Amino acid sequence: GDKLLLGDRLLNIIADNGFNINEKKVRLQVRGNHQEVTGLTTNEFP
């Protein structure tokens, strides 16, 4: 099925600053489905 990949510039910036991405926690949330940021629902307001 479809797999989400991060852009090269985004990956390079994070790597150049000495950090790695936890690939298990990468997710793209689309309006109409549940959207969440730092544990809070954000579809309309926190």
ModelCIF file with pLDDT and N, C-alpha, C, O atoms, coordinates in Angstrom:
data_MODEL
#
_entry.id   MODEL 
#
_entity.id                         1 
_entity.type                       polymer 
_entity.pdbx_number_of_molecules   1 
#
_entity_poly.entity_id                      1 
_entity_poly.type                           'polypeptide(L)' 
_entity_poly.nstd_linkage                   no 
_entity_poly.nstd_monomer                   no 
_entity_poly.pdbx_seq_one_letter_code       GDKLLLGDRLLNIIADNGFNINEKKVRLQVRGNHQEVTGLTTNEFP 
_entity_poly.pdbx_seq_one_letter_code_can   GDKLLLGDRLLNIIADNGFNINEKKVRLQVRGNHQEVTGLTTNEFP 
_entity_poly.pdbx_strand_id                 A 
#
loop_
_entity_poly_seq.entity_id 
_entity_poly_seq.num 
_entity_poly_seq.mon_id 
_entity_poly_seq.hetero 
1 1  GLY n 
1 2  ASP n 
1 3  LYS n 
1 4  LEU n 
1 5  LEU n 
1 6  LEU n 
1 7  GLY n 
1 8  ASP n 
1 9  ARG n 
1 10 LEU n 
1 11 LEU n 
1 12 ASN n 
1 13 ILE n 
1 14 ILE n 
1 15 ALA n 
1 16 ASP n 
1 17 ASN n 
1 18 GLY n 
1 19 PHE n 
1 20 ASN n 
1 21 ILE n 
1 22 ASN n 
1 23 GLU n 
1 24 LYS n 
1 25 LYS n 
1 26 VAL n 
1 27 ARG n 
1 28 LEU n 
1 29 GLN n 
1 30 VAL n 
1 31 ARG n 
1 32 GLY n 
1 33 ASN n 
1 34 HIS n 
1 35 GLN n 
1 36 GLU n 
1 37 VAL n 
1 38 THR n 
1 39 GLY n 
1 40 LEU n 
1 41 THR n 
1 42 THR n 
1 43 ASN n 
1 44 GLU n 
1 45 PHE n 
1 46 PRO n 
#
_struct_asym.id          A 
_struct_asym.entity_id   1 
#
loop_
_ma_qa_metric.id 
_ma_qa_metric.mode 
_ma_qa_metric.name 
_ma_qa_metric.software_group_id 
_ma_qa_metric.type 
1 global pLDDT . pLDDT 
2 local  pLDDT . pLDDT 
#
_ma_qa_metric_global.metric_id      1 
_ma_qa_metric_global.metric_value   94.24 
_ma_qa_metric_global.model_id       1 
_ma_qa_metric_global.ordinal_id     1 
#
loop_
_ma_qa_metric_local.label_asym_id 
_ma_qa_metric_local.label_comp_id 
_ma_qa_metric_local.label_seq_id 
_ma_qa_metric_local.metric_id 
_ma_qa_metric_local.metric_value 
_ma_qa_metric_local.model_id 
_ma_qa_metric_local.ordinal_id 
A GLY 1  2 79.00 1 1  
A ASP 2  2 85.00 1 2  
A LYS 3  2 90.00 1 3  
A LEU 4  2 94.00 1 4  
A LEU 5  2 95.00 1 5  
A LEU 6  2 97.00 1 6  
A GLY 7  2 97.00 1 7  
A ASP 8  2 96.00 1 8  
A ARG 9  2 96.00 1 9  
A LEU 10 2 98.00 1 10 
A LEU 11 2 97.00 1 11 
A ASN 12 2 97.00 1 12 
A ILE 13 2 98.00 1 13 
A ILE 14 2 98.00 1 14 
A ALA 15 2 97.00 1 15 
A ASP 16 2 97.00 1 16 
A ASN 17 2 97.00 1 17 
A GLY 18 2 96.00 1 18 
A PHE 19 2 97.00 1 19 
A ASN 20 2 96.00 1 20 
A ILE 21 2 96.00 1 21 
A ASN 22 2 94.00 1 22 
A GLU 23 2 91.00 1 23 
A LYS 24 2 91.00 1 24 
A LYS 25 2 92.00 1 25 
A VAL 26 2 96.00 1 26 
A ARG 27 2 95.00 1 27 
A LEU 28 2 97.00 1 28 
A GLN 29 2 96.00 1 29 
A VAL 30 2 96.00 1 30 
A ARG 31 2 93.00 1 31 
A GLY 32 2 91.00 1 32 
A ASN 33 2 93.00 1 33 
A HIS 34 2 92.00 1 34 
A GLN 35 2 95.00 1 35 
A GLU 36 2 95.00 1 36 
A VAL 37 2 96.00 1 37 
A THR 38 2 93.00 1 38 
A GLY 39 2 93.00 1 39 
A LEU 40 2 95.00 1 40 
A THR 41 2 94.00 1 41 
A THR 42 2 95.00 1 42 
A ASN 43 2 93.00 1 43 
A GLU 44 2 91.00 1 44 
A PHE 45 2 91.00 1 45 
A PRO 46 2 94.00 1 46 
#
loop_
_atom_site.group_PDB 
_atom_site.id 
_atom_site.type_symbol 
_atom_site.label_atom_id 
_atom_site.label_alt_id 
_atom_site.label_comp_id 
_atom_site.label_asym_id 
_atom_site.label_entity_id 
_atom_site.label_seq_id 
_atom_site.pdbx_PDB_ins_code 
_atom_site.Cartn_x 
_atom_site.Cartn_y 
_atom_site.Cartn_z 
_atom_site.occupancy 
_atom_site.B_iso_or_equiv 
_atom_site.pdbx_formal_charge 
_atom_site.auth_seq_id 
_atom_site.auth_comp_id 
_atom_site.auth_asym_id 
_atom_site.auth_atom_id 
_atom_site.pdbx_PDB_model_num 
ATOM 1   N N  . GLY A 1 1  ? 0.816   -1.202 0.000  1.00 79.00 ? 1  GLY A N  1 
ATOM 2   C CA . GLY A 1 1  ? 0.000   0.000  0.000  1.00 79.00 ? 1  GLY A CA 1 
ATOM 3   C C  . GLY A 1 1  ? 0.857   1.262  0.000  1.00 79.00 ? 1  GLY A C  1 
ATOM 4   O O  . GLY A 1 1  ? 2.081   1.185  -0.107 1.00 79.00 ? 1  GLY A O  1 
ATOM 5   N N  . ASP A 1 2  ? 0.225   2.405  0.118  1.00 85.00 ? 2  ASP A N  1 
ATOM 6   C CA . ASP A 1 2  ? 0.956   3.670  0.120  1.00 85.00 ? 2  ASP A CA 1 
ATOM 7   C C  . ASP A 1 2  ? 1.822   3.803  1.373  1.00 85.00 ? 2  ASP A C  1 
ATOM 8   O O  . ASP A 1 2  ? 1.414   3.436  2.475  1.00 85.00 ? 2  ASP A O  1 
ATOM 9   N N  . LYS A 1 3  ? 3.020   4.334  1.174  1.00 90.00 ? 3  LYS A N  1 
ATOM 10  C CA . LYS A 1 3  ? 3.943   4.560  2.292  1.00 90.00 ? 3  LYS A CA 1 
ATOM 11  C C  . LYS A 1 3  ? 4.328   6.026  2.315  1.00 90.00 ? 3  LYS A C  1 
ATOM 12  O O  . LYS A 1 3  ? 4.630   6.608  1.273  1.00 90.00 ? 3  LYS A O  1 
ATOM 13  N N  . LEU A 1 4  ? 4.319   6.623  3.488  1.00 94.00 ? 4  LEU A N  1 
ATOM 14  C CA . LEU A 1 4  ? 4.659   8.035  3.642  1.00 94.00 ? 4  LEU A CA 1 
ATOM 15  C C  . LEU A 1 4  ? 6.158   8.189  3.825  1.00 94.00 ? 4  LEU A C  1 
ATOM 16  O O  . LEU A 1 4  ? 6.753   7.559  4.699  1.00 94.00 ? 4  LEU A O  1 
ATOM 17  N N  . LEU A 1 5  ? 6.762   9.024  3.002  1.00 95.00 ? 5  LEU A N  1 
ATOM 18  C CA . LEU A 1 5  ? 8.193   9.314  3.098  1.00 95.00 ? 5  LEU A CA 1 
ATOM 19  C C  . LEU A 1 5  ? 8.395   10.795 3.371  1.00 95.00 ? 5  LEU A C  1 
ATOM 20  O O  . LEU A 1 5  ? 7.653   11.636 2.865  1.00 95.00 ? 5  LEU A O  1 
ATOM 21  N N  . LEU A 1 6  ? 9.396   11.104 4.170  1.00 97.00 ? 6  LEU A N  1 
ATOM 22  C CA . LEU A 1 6  ? 9.708   12.499 4.467  1.00 97.00 ? 6  LEU A CA 1 
ATOM 23  C C  . LEU A 1 6  ? 10.611  13.071 3.386  1.00 97.00 ? 6  LEU A C  1 
ATOM 24  O O  . LEU A 1 6  ? 11.418  12.355 2.793  1.00 97.00 ? 6  LEU A O  1 
ATOM 25  N N  . GLY A 1 7  ? 10.467  14.382 3.132  1.00 97.00 ? 7  GLY A N  1 
ATOM 26  C CA . GLY A 1 7  ? 11.270  15.043 2.114  1.00 97.00 ? 7  GLY A CA 1 
ATOM 27  C C  . GLY A 1 7  ? 12.746  15.074 2.468  1.00 97.00 ? 7  GLY A C  1 
ATOM 28  O O  . GLY A 1 7  ? 13.106  15.075 3.646  1.00 97.00 ? 7  GLY A O  1 
ATOM 29  N N  . ASP A 1 8  ? 13.603  15.101 1.452  1.00 96.00 ? 8  ASP A N  1 
ATOM 30  C CA . ASP A 1 8  ? 15.046  15.055 1.664  1.00 96.00 ? 8  ASP A CA 1 
ATOM 31  C C  . ASP A 1 8  ? 15.548  16.262 2.458  1.00 96.00 ? 8  ASP A C  1 
ATOM 32  O O  . ASP A 1 8  ? 16.393  16.110 3.340  1.00 96.00 ? 8  ASP A O  1 
ATOM 33  N N  . ARG A 1 9  ? 15.038  17.454 2.156  1.00 96.00 ? 9  ARG A N  1 
ATOM 34  C CA . ARG A 1 9  ? 15.507  18.645 2.874  1.00 96.00 ? 9  ARG A CA 1 
ATOM 35  C C  . ARG A 1 9  ? 15.160  18.552 4.349  1.00 96.00 ? 9  ARG A C  1 
ATOM 36  O O  . ARG A 1 9  ? 15.969  18.905 5.208  1.00 96.00 ? 9  ARG A O  1 
ATOM 37  N N  . LEU A 1 10 ? 13.966  18.081 4.640  1.00 98.00 ? 10 LEU A N  1 
ATOM 38  C CA . LEU A 1 10 ? 13.547  17.922 6.032  1.00 98.00 ? 10 LEU A CA 1 
ATOM 39  C C  . LEU A 1 10 ? 14.441  16.908 6.733  1.00 98.00 ? 10 LEU A C  1 
ATOM 40  O O  . LEU A 1 10 ? 14.898  17.149 7.851  1.00 98.00 ? 10 LEU A O  1 
ATOM 41  N N  . LEU A 1 11 ? 14.689  15.787 6.089  1.00 97.00 ? 11 LEU A N  1 
ATOM 42  C CA . LEU A 1 11 ? 15.546  14.752 6.672  1.00 97.00 ? 11 LEU A CA 1 
ATOM 43  C C  . LEU A 1 11 ? 16.965  15.257 6.894  1.00 97.00 ? 11 LEU A C  1 
ATOM 44  O O  . LEU A 1 11 ? 17.576  14.988 7.928  1.00 97.00 ? 11 LEU A O  1 
ATOM 45  N N  . ASN A 1 12 ? 17.483  15.991 5.914  1.00 97.00 ? 12 ASN A N  1 
ATOM 46  C CA . ASN A 1 12 ? 18.862  16.478 6.006  1.00 97.00 ? 12 ASN A CA 1 
ATOM 47  C C  . ASN A 1 12 ? 19.033  17.495 7.127  1.00 97.00 ? 12 ASN A C  1 
ATOM 48  O O  . ASN A 1 12 ? 20.042  17.475 7.831  1.00 97.00 ? 12 ASN A O  1 
ATOM 49  N N  . ILE A 1 13 ? 18.055  18.387 7.300  1.00 98.00 ? 13 ILE A N  1 
ATOM 50  C CA . ILE A 1 13 ? 18.137  19.388 8.372  1.00 98.00 ? 13 ILE A CA 1 
ATOM 51  C C  . ILE A 1 13 ? 18.195  18.706 9.731  1.00 98.00 ? 13 ILE A C  1 
ATOM 52  O O  . ILE A 1 13 ? 19.013  19.065 10.578 1.00 98.00 ? 13 ILE A O  1 
ATOM 53  N N  . ILE A 1 14 ? 17.331  17.730 9.936  1.00 98.00 ? 14 ILE A N  1 
ATOM 54  C CA . ILE A 1 14 ? 17.298  17.032 11.222 1.00 98.00 ? 14 ILE A CA 1 
ATOM 55  C C  . ILE A 1 14 ? 18.583  16.238 11.445 1.00 98.00 ? 14 ILE A C  1 
ATOM 56  O O  . ILE A 1 14 ? 19.129  16.240 12.548 1.00 98.00 ? 14 ILE A O  1 
ATOM 57  N N  . ALA A 1 15 ? 19.067  15.559 10.405 1.00 97.00 ? 15 ALA A N  1 
ATOM 58  C CA . ALA A 1 15 ? 20.302  14.771 10.530 1.00 97.00 ? 15 ALA A CA 1 
ATOM 59  C C  . ALA A 1 15 ? 21.509  15.671 10.764 1.00 97.00 ? 15 ALA A C  1 
ATOM 60  O O  . ALA A 1 15 ? 22.372  15.350 11.581 1.00 97.00 ? 15 ALA A O  1 
ATOM 61  N N  . ASP A 1 16 ? 21.576  16.795 10.053 1.00 97.00 ? 16 ASP A N  1 
ATOM 62  C CA . ASP A 1 16 ? 22.710  17.718 10.197 1.00 97.00 ? 16 ASP A CA 1 
ATOM 63  C C  . ASP A 1 16 ? 22.781  18.316 11.596 1.00 97.00 ? 16 ASP A C  1 
ATOM 64  O O  . ASP A 1 16 ? 23.843  18.760 12.032 1.00 97.00 ? 16 ASP A O  1 
ATOM 65  N N  . ASN A 1 17 ? 21.658  18.329 12.296 1.00 97.00 ? 17 ASN A N  1 
ATOM 66  C CA . ASN A 1 17 ? 21.624  18.866 13.655 1.00 97.00 ? 17 ASN A CA 1 
ATOM 67  C C  . ASN A 1 17 ? 21.782  17.780 14.714 1.00 97.00 ? 17 ASN A C  1 
ATOM 68  O O  . ASN A 1 17 ? 21.572  18.022 15.902 1.00 97.00 ? 17 ASN A O  1 
ATOM 69  N N  . GLY A 1 18 ? 22.151  16.591 14.273 1.00 96.00 ? 18 GLY A N  1 
ATOM 70  C CA . GLY A 1 18 ? 22.506  15.528 15.212 1.00 96.00 ? 18 GLY A CA 1 
ATOM 71  C C  . GLY A 1 18 ? 21.354  14.737 15.784 1.00 96.00 ? 18 GLY A C  1 
ATOM 72  O O  . GLY A 1 18 ? 21.501  14.109 16.832 1.00 96.00 ? 18 GLY A O  1 
ATOM 73  N N  . PHE A 1 19 ? 20.192  14.752 15.110 1.00 97.00 ? 19 PHE A N  1 
ATOM 74  C CA . PHE A 1 19 ? 19.043  14.010 15.618 1.00 97.00 ? 19 PHE A CA 1 
ATOM 75  C C  . PHE A 1 19 ? 18.575  12.981 14.598 1.00 97.00 ? 19 PHE A C  1 
ATOM 76  O O  . PHE A 1 19 ? 18.875  13.088 13.409 1.00 97.00 ? 19 PHE A O  1 
ATOM 77  N N  . ASN A 1 20 ? 17.840  11.988 15.073 1.00 96.00 ? 20 ASN A N  1 
ATOM 78  C CA . ASN A 1 20 ? 17.245  10.966 14.227 1.00 96.00 ? 20 ASN A CA 1 
ATOM 79  C C  . ASN A 1 20 ? 15.737  10.970 14.417 1.00 96.00 ? 20 ASN A C  1 
ATOM 80  O O  . ASN A 1 20 ? 15.236  11.368 15.469 1.00 96.00 ? 20 ASN A O  1 
ATOM 81  N N  . ILE A 1 21 ? 15.022  10.528 13.401 1.00 96.00 ? 21 ILE A N  1 
ATOM 82  C CA . ILE A 1 21 ? 13.563  10.483 13.457 1.00 96.00 ? 21 ILE A CA 1 
ATOM 83  C C  . ILE A 1 21 ? 13.094  9.098  13.862 1.00 96.00 ? 21 ILE A C  1 
ATOM 84  O O  . ILE A 1 21 ? 13.609  8.089  13.380 1.00 96.00 ? 21 ILE A O  1 
ATOM 85  N N  . ASN A 1 22 ? 12.121  9.058  14.744 1.00 94.00 ? 22 ASN A N  1 
ATOM 86  C CA . ASN A 1 22 ? 11.472  7.799  15.109 1.00 94.00 ? 22 ASN A CA 1 
ATOM 87  C C  . ASN A 1 22 ? 10.450  7.482  14.019 1.00 94.00 ? 22 ASN A C  1 
ATOM 88  O O  . ASN A 1 22 ? 9.354   8.040  14.006 1.00 94.00 ? 22 ASN A O  1 
ATOM 89  N N  . GLU A 1 23 ? 10.810  6.597  13.121 1.00 91.00 ? 23 GLU A N  1 
ATOM 90  C CA . GLU A 1 23 ? 9.983   6.328  11.947 1.00 91.00 ? 23 GLU A CA 1 
ATOM 91  C C  . GLU A 1 23 ? 8.617   5.755  12.310 1.00 91.00 ? 23 GLU A C  1 
ATOM 92  O O  . GLU A 1 23 ? 7.670   5.871  11.532 1.00 91.00 ? 23 GLU A O  1 
ATOM 93  N N  . LYS A 1 24 ? 8.510   5.143  13.477 1.00 91.00 ? 24 LYS A N  1 
ATOM 94  C CA . LYS A 1 24 ? 7.234   4.556  13.885 1.00 91.00 ? 24 LYS A CA 1 
ATOM 95  C C  . LYS A 1 24 ? 6.197   5.620  14.236 1.00 91.00 ? 24 LYS A C  1 
ATOM 96  O O  . LYS A 1 24 ? 5.002   5.330  14.294 1.00 91.00 ? 24 LYS A O  1 
ATOM 97  N N  . LYS A 1 25 ? 6.652   6.845  14.469 1.00 92.00 ? 25 LYS A N  1 
ATOM 98  C CA . LYS A 1 25 ? 5.730   7.890  14.904 1.00 92.00 ? 25 LYS A CA 1 
ATOM 99  C C  . LYS A 1 25 ? 5.502   8.972  13.851 1.00 92.00 ? 25 LYS A C  1 
ATOM 100 O O  . LYS A 1 25 ? 5.005   10.053 14.169 1.00 92.00 ? 25 LYS A O  1 
ATOM 101 N N  . VAL A 1 26 ? 5.860   8.687  12.608 1.00 96.00 ? 26 VAL A N  1 
ATOM 102 C CA . VAL A 1 26 ? 5.595   9.634  11.529 1.00 96.00 ? 26 VAL A CA 1 
ATOM 103 C C  . VAL A 1 26 ? 4.175   9.392  11.014 1.00 96.00 ? 26 VAL A C  1 
ATOM 104 O O  . VAL A 1 26 ? 3.830   8.272  10.636 1.00 96.00 ? 26 VAL A O  1 
ATOM 105 N N  . ARG A 1 27 ? 3.355   10.440 11.000 1.00 95.00 ? 27 ARG A N  1 
ATOM 106 C CA . ARG A 1 27 ? 1.997   10.274 10.493 1.00 95.00 ? 27 ARG A CA 1 
ATOM 107 C C  . ARG A 1 27 ? 1.485   11.593 9.906  1.00 95.00 ? 27 ARG A C  1 
ATOM 108 O O  . ARG A 1 27 ? 1.752   12.678 10.422 1.00 95.00 ? 27 ARG A O  1 
ATOM 109 N N  . LEU A 1 28 ? 0.746   11.454 8.816  1.00 97.00 ? 28 LEU A N  1 
ATOM 110 C CA . LEU A 1 28 ? 0.120   12.605 8.159  1.00 97.00 ? 28 LEU A CA 1 
ATOM 111 C C  . LEU A 1 28 ? -1.385  12.496 8.377  1.00 97.00 ? 28 LEU A C  1 
ATOM 112 O O  . LEU A 1 28 ? -2.023  11.542 7.930  1.00 97.00 ? 28 LEU A O  1 
ATOM 113 N N  . GLN A 1 29 ? -1.938  13.481 9.065  1.00 96.00 ? 29 GLN A N  1 
ATOM 114 C CA . GLN A 1 29 ? -3.358  13.471 9.404  1.00 96.00 ? 29 GLN A CA 1 
ATOM 115 C C  . GLN A 1 29 ? -4.120  14.429 8.484  1.00 96.00 ? 29 GLN A C  1 
ATOM 116 O O  . GLN A 1 29 ? -3.707  15.569 8.270  1.00 96.00 ? 29 GLN A O  1 
ATOM 117 N N  . VAL A 1 30 ? -5.226  13.945 7.954  1.00 96.00 ? 30 VAL A N  1 
ATOM 118 C CA . VAL A 1 30 ? -5.991  14.704 6.970  1.00 96.00 ? 30 VAL A CA 1 
ATOM 119 C C  . VAL A 1 30 ? -7.312  15.163 7.574  1.00 96.00 ? 30 VAL A C  1 
ATOM 120 O O  . VAL A 1 30 ? -7.926  14.448 8.366  1.00 96.00 ? 30 VAL A O  1 
ATOM 121 N N  . ARG A 1 31 ? -7.741  16.363 7.193  1.00 93.00 ? 31 ARG A N  1 
ATOM 122 C CA . ARG A 1 31 ? -9.015  16.893 7.681  1.00 93.00 ? 31 ARG A CA 1 
ATOM 123 C C  . ARG A 1 31 ? -10.147 15.916 7.346  1.00 93.00 ? 31 ARG A C  1 
ATOM 124 O O  . ARG A 1 31 ? -10.192 15.343 6.258  1.00 93.00 ? 31 ARG A O  1 
ATOM 125 N N  . GLY A 1 32 ? -11.039 15.746 8.286  1.00 91.00 ? 32 GLY A N  1 
ATOM 126 C CA . GLY A 1 32 ? -12.119 14.777 8.111  1.00 91.00 ? 32 GLY A CA 1 
ATOM 127 C C  . GLY A 1 32 ? -11.886 13.555 8.959  1.00 91.00 ? 32 GLY A C  1 
ATOM 128 O O  . GLY A 1 32 ? -12.823 12.855 9.342  1.00 91.00 ? 32 GLY A O  1 
ATOM 129 N N  . ASN A 1 33 ? -10.607 13.301 9.252  1.00 93.00 ? 33 ASN A N  1 
ATOM 130 C CA . ASN A 1 33 ? -10.230 12.245 10.187 1.00 93.00 ? 33 ASN A CA 1 
ATOM 131 C C  . ASN A 1 33 ? -9.757  12.893 11.484 1.00 93.00 ? 33 ASN A C  1 
ATOM 132 O O  . ASN A 1 33 ? -9.634  14.115 11.574 1.00 93.00 ? 33 ASN A O  1 
ATOM 133 N N  . HIS A 1 34 ? -9.495  12.063 12.479 1.00 92.00 ? 34 HIS A N  1 
ATOM 134 C CA . HIS A 1 34 ? -9.023  12.593 13.762 1.00 92.00 ? 34 HIS A CA 1 
ATOM 135 C C  . HIS A 1 34 ? -7.633  13.209 13.594 1.00 92.00 ? 34 HIS A C  1 
ATOM 136 O O  . HIS A 1 34 ? -6.722  12.558 13.084 1.00 92.00 ? 34 HIS A O  1 
ATOM 137 N N  . GLN A 1 35 ? -7.473  14.454 14.020 1.00 95.00 ? 35 GLN A N  1 
ATOM 138 C CA . GLN A 1 35 ? -6.182  15.129 13.988 1.00 95.00 ? 35 GLN A CA 1 
ATOM 139 C C  . GLN A 1 35 ? -5.746  15.436 15.414 1.00 95.00 ? 35 GLN A C  1 
ATOM 140 O O  . GLN A 1 35 ? -6.539  15.883 16.242 1.00 95.00 ? 35 GLN A O  1 
ATOM 141 N N  . GLU A 1 36 ? -4.468  15.184 15.681 1.00 95.00 ? 36 GLU A N  1 
ATOM 142 C CA . GLU A 1 36 ? -3.971  15.323 17.048 1.00 95.00 ? 36 GLU A CA 1 
ATOM 143 C C  . GLU A 1 36 ? -2.572  15.925 17.043 1.00 95.00 ? 36 GLU A C  1 
ATOM 144 O O  . GLU A 1 36 ? -1.736  15.571 16.212 1.00 95.00 ? 36 GLU A O  1 
ATOM 145 N N  . VAL A 1 37 ? -2.326  16.842 17.981 1.00 96.00 ? 37 VAL A N  1 
ATOM 146 C CA . VAL A 1 37 ? -1.005  17.460 18.158 1.00 96.00 ? 37 VAL A CA 1 
ATOM 147 C C  . VAL A 1 37 ? -0.693  17.481 19.646 1.00 96.00 ? 37 VAL A C  1 
ATOM 148 O O  . VAL A 1 37 ? -1.493  17.968 20.445 1.00 96.00 ? 37 VAL A O  1 
ATOM 149 N N  . THR A 1 38 ? 0.452   16.959 20.015 1.00 93.00 ? 38 THR A N  1 
ATOM 150 C CA . THR A 1 38 ? 0.890   16.852 21.415 1.00 93.00 ? 38 THR A CA 1 
ATOM 151 C C  . THR A 1 38 ? -0.239  16.390 22.341 1.00 93.00 ? 38 THR A C  1 
ATOM 152 O O  . THR A 1 38 ? -0.461  16.955 23.412 1.00 93.00 ? 38 THR A O  1 
ATOM 153 N N  . GLY A 1 39 ? -0.938  15.354 21.900 1.00 93.00 ? 39 GLY A N  1 
ATOM 154 C CA . GLY A 1 39 ? -1.952  14.731 22.739 1.00 93.00 ? 39 GLY A CA 1 
ATOM 155 C C  . GLY A 1 39 ? -3.305  15.412 22.755 1.00 93.00 ? 39 GLY A C  1 
ATOM 156 O O  . GLY A 1 39 ? -4.226  14.928 23.412 1.00 93.00 ? 39 GLY A O  1 
ATOM 157 N N  . LEU A 1 40 ? -3.453  16.535 22.041 1.00 95.00 ? 40 LEU A N  1 
ATOM 158 C CA . LEU A 1 40 ? -4.718  17.260 22.008 1.00 95.00 ? 40 LEU A CA 1 
ATOM 159 C C  . LEU A 1 40 ? -5.353  17.147 20.621 1.00 95.00 ? 40 LEU A C  1 
ATOM 160 O O  . LEU A 1 40 ? -4.659  17.151 19.604 1.00 95.00 ? 40 LEU A O  1 
ATOM 161 N N  . THR A 1 41 ? -6.669  17.047 20.601 1.00 94.00 ? 41 THR A N  1 
ATOM 162 C CA . THR A 1 41 ? -7.397  17.019 19.345 1.00 94.00 ? 41 THR A CA 1 
ATOM 163 C C  . THR A 1 41 ? -7.399  18.419 18.729 1.00 94.00 ? 41 THR A C  1 
ATOM 164 O O  . THR A 1 41 ? -7.634  19.403 19.429 1.00 94.00 ? 41 THR A O  1 
ATOM 165 N N  . THR A 1 42 ? -7.134  18.512 17.410 1.00 95.00 ? 42 THR A N  1 
ATOM 166 C CA . THR A 1 42 ? -6.999  19.832 16.776 1.00 95.00 ? 42 THR A CA 1 
ATOM 167 C C  . THR A 1 42 ? -7.870  20.004 15.539 1.00 95.00 ? 42 THR A C  1 
ATOM 168 O O  . THR A 1 42 ? -7.630  20.924 14.757 1.00 95.00 ? 42 THR A O  1 
ATOM 169 N N  . ASN A 1 43 ? -8.872  19.154 15.332 1.00 93.00 ? 43 ASN A N  1 
ATOM 170 C CA . ASN A 1 43 ? -9.705  19.275 14.132 1.00 93.00 ? 43 ASN A CA 1 
ATOM 171 C C  . ASN A 1 43 ? -10.323 20.660 14.002 1.00 93.00 ? 43 ASN A C  1 
ATOM 172 O O  . ASN A 1 43 ? -10.345 21.226 12.910 1.00 93.00 ? 43 ASN A O  1 
ATOM 173 N N  . GLU A 1 44 ? -10.831 21.217 15.114 1.00 91.00 ? 44 GLU A N  1 
ATOM 174 C CA . GLU A 1 44 ? -11.418 22.557 15.087 1.00 91.00 ? 44 GLU A CA 1 
ATOM 175 C C  . GLU A 1 44 ? -10.688 23.505 16.037 1.00 91.00 ? 44 GLU A C  1 
ATOM 176 O O  . GLU A 1 44 ? -10.396 24.648 15.686 1.00 91.00 ? 44 GLU A O  1 
ATOM 177 N N  . PHE A 1 45 ? -10.401 23.021 17.231 1.00 91.00 ? 45 PHE A N  1 
ATOM 178 C CA . PHE A 1 45 ? -9.684  23.805 18.238 1.00 91.00 ? 45 PHE A CA 1 
ATOM 179 C C  . PHE A 1 45 ? -9.043  22.816 19.205 1.00 91.00 ? 45 PHE A C  1 
ATOM 180 O O  . PHE A 1 45 ? -9.473  21.664 19.270 1.00 91.00 ? 45 PHE A O  1 
ATOM 181 N N  . PRO A 1 46 ? -8.024  23.234 19.960 1.00 94.00 ? 46 PRO A N  1 
ATOM 182 C CA . PRO A 1 46 ? -7.377  22.302 20.902 1.00 94.00 ? 46 PRO A CA 1 
ATOM 183 C C  . PRO A 1 46 ? -8.377  21.754 21.908 1.00 94.00 ? 46 PRO A C  1 
ATOM 184 O O  . PRO A 1 46 ? -8.010  20.959 22.773 1.00 94.00 ? 46 PRO A O  1 
#
